[in-house]
Amino acid sequence: MKITVVANGPLLIDTKGEWSWTGEAGKTTGKDRIALCRCGASGNKPLCDGTHRKIGFTAEGGECELTPG
């Protein structure tokens, strides 16, 4: 699993396959990637909805790779 901290944006989690998220709004599914909100203003928390661009969110980026140990 690879996690990329997008500069001025969300956390991108490359899942290498299908994923599902069950939260207050019900179940959300997708393939290959999850974008998690870092700005705190998403209307679809914990998922990113692009609001960071509208509010001028700024933060550094980076990445890491998680491997089974």
Protein backbone atom coordinates (compact mmCIF):
# COMPACT_ATOMS: atom_id res chain seq x y z
CA MET A 1 0.00 0.00 0.00
CA LYS A 2 1.34 3.40 -0.93
CA ILE A 3 0.27 6.62 0.78
CA THR A 4 0.92 9.93 -0.94
CA VAL A 5 0.44 13.17 0.95
CA VAL A 6 -0.48 15.55 -1.85
CA ALA A 7 0.94 19.04 -1.36
CA ASN A 8 -2.02 21.35 -0.67
CA GLY A 9 -4.39 18.39 -1.06
CA PRO A 10 -5.61 15.04 0.26
CA LEU A 11 -4.00 11.81 1.39
CA LEU A 12 -4.05 9.39 -1.55
CA ILE A 13 -4.00 5.73 -0.60
CA ASP A 14 -3.19 3.36 -3.46
CA THR A 15 -5.04 0.22 -2.42
CA LYS A 16 -3.89 -2.03 -5.29
CA GLY A 17 -7.43 -3.32 -5.64
CA GLU A 18 -11.04 -2.72 -4.71
CA TRP A 19 -11.92 -1.02 -1.44
CA SER A 20 -15.02 -0.16 0.53
CA TRP A 21 -15.73 2.35 3.25
CA THR A 22 -18.73 2.17 5.56
CA GLY A 23 -19.56 5.37 7.41
CA GLU A 24 -22.48 7.49 8.58
CA ALA A 25 -23.66 8.07 5.01
CA GLY A 26 -23.56 4.36 4.17
CA LYS A 27 -21.17 2.29 2.10
CA THR A 28 -18.85 3.76 -0.52
CA THR A 29 -16.79 1.58 -2.86
CA GLY A 30 -14.12 2.18 -5.44
CA LYS A 31 -11.07 0.81 -7.17
CA ASP A 32 -7.36 1.38 -6.75
CA ARG A 33 -7.33 4.65 -4.78
CA ILE A 34 -8.91 6.40 -1.80
CA ALA A 35 -8.57 10.18 -1.34
CA LEU A 36 -8.92 11.20 2.32
CA CYS A 37 -9.58 14.80 3.33
CA ARG A 38 -6.78 16.71 5.09
CA CYS A 39 -8.27 20.21 5.03
CA GLY A 40 -11.22 19.37 7.27
CA ALA A 41 -13.74 21.12 5.01
CA SER A 42 -14.92 18.26 2.77
CA GLY A 43 -18.66 17.79 2.55
CA ASN A 44 -18.00 14.06 2.12
CA LYS A 45 -15.70 13.40 5.11
CA PRO A 46 -13.55 11.44 5.53
CA LEU A 47 -13.29 11.34 1.72
CA CYS A 48 -11.95 14.30 -0.23
CA ASP A 49 -14.41 16.26 -2.39
CA GLY A 50 -11.96 18.88 -3.72
CA THR A 51 -12.95 21.63 -1.25
CA HIS A 52 -9.25 22.16 -0.39
CA ARG A 53 -8.87 24.01 -3.71
CA LYS A 54 -11.77 26.36 -2.98
CA ILE A 55 -10.58 27.31 0.51
CA GLY A 56 -6.88 27.69 -0.33
CA PHE A 57 -5.67 24.86 1.90
CA THR A 58 -1.87 24.68 2.10
CA ALA A 59 0.33 21.92 3.54
CA GLU A 60 3.47 20.06 2.58
CA GLY A 61 3.41 16.76 0.69
CA GLY A 62 5.34 13.50 0.72
CA GLU A 63 4.86 9.74 0.41
CA CYS A 64 5.53 6.43 2.07
CA GLU A 65 5.21 2.78 1.17
CA LEU A 66 3.71 0.31 3.64
CA THR A 67 4.79 -3.28 3.27
CA PRO A 68 3.61 -6.31 5.27
CA GLY A 69 6.13 -7.14 7.95
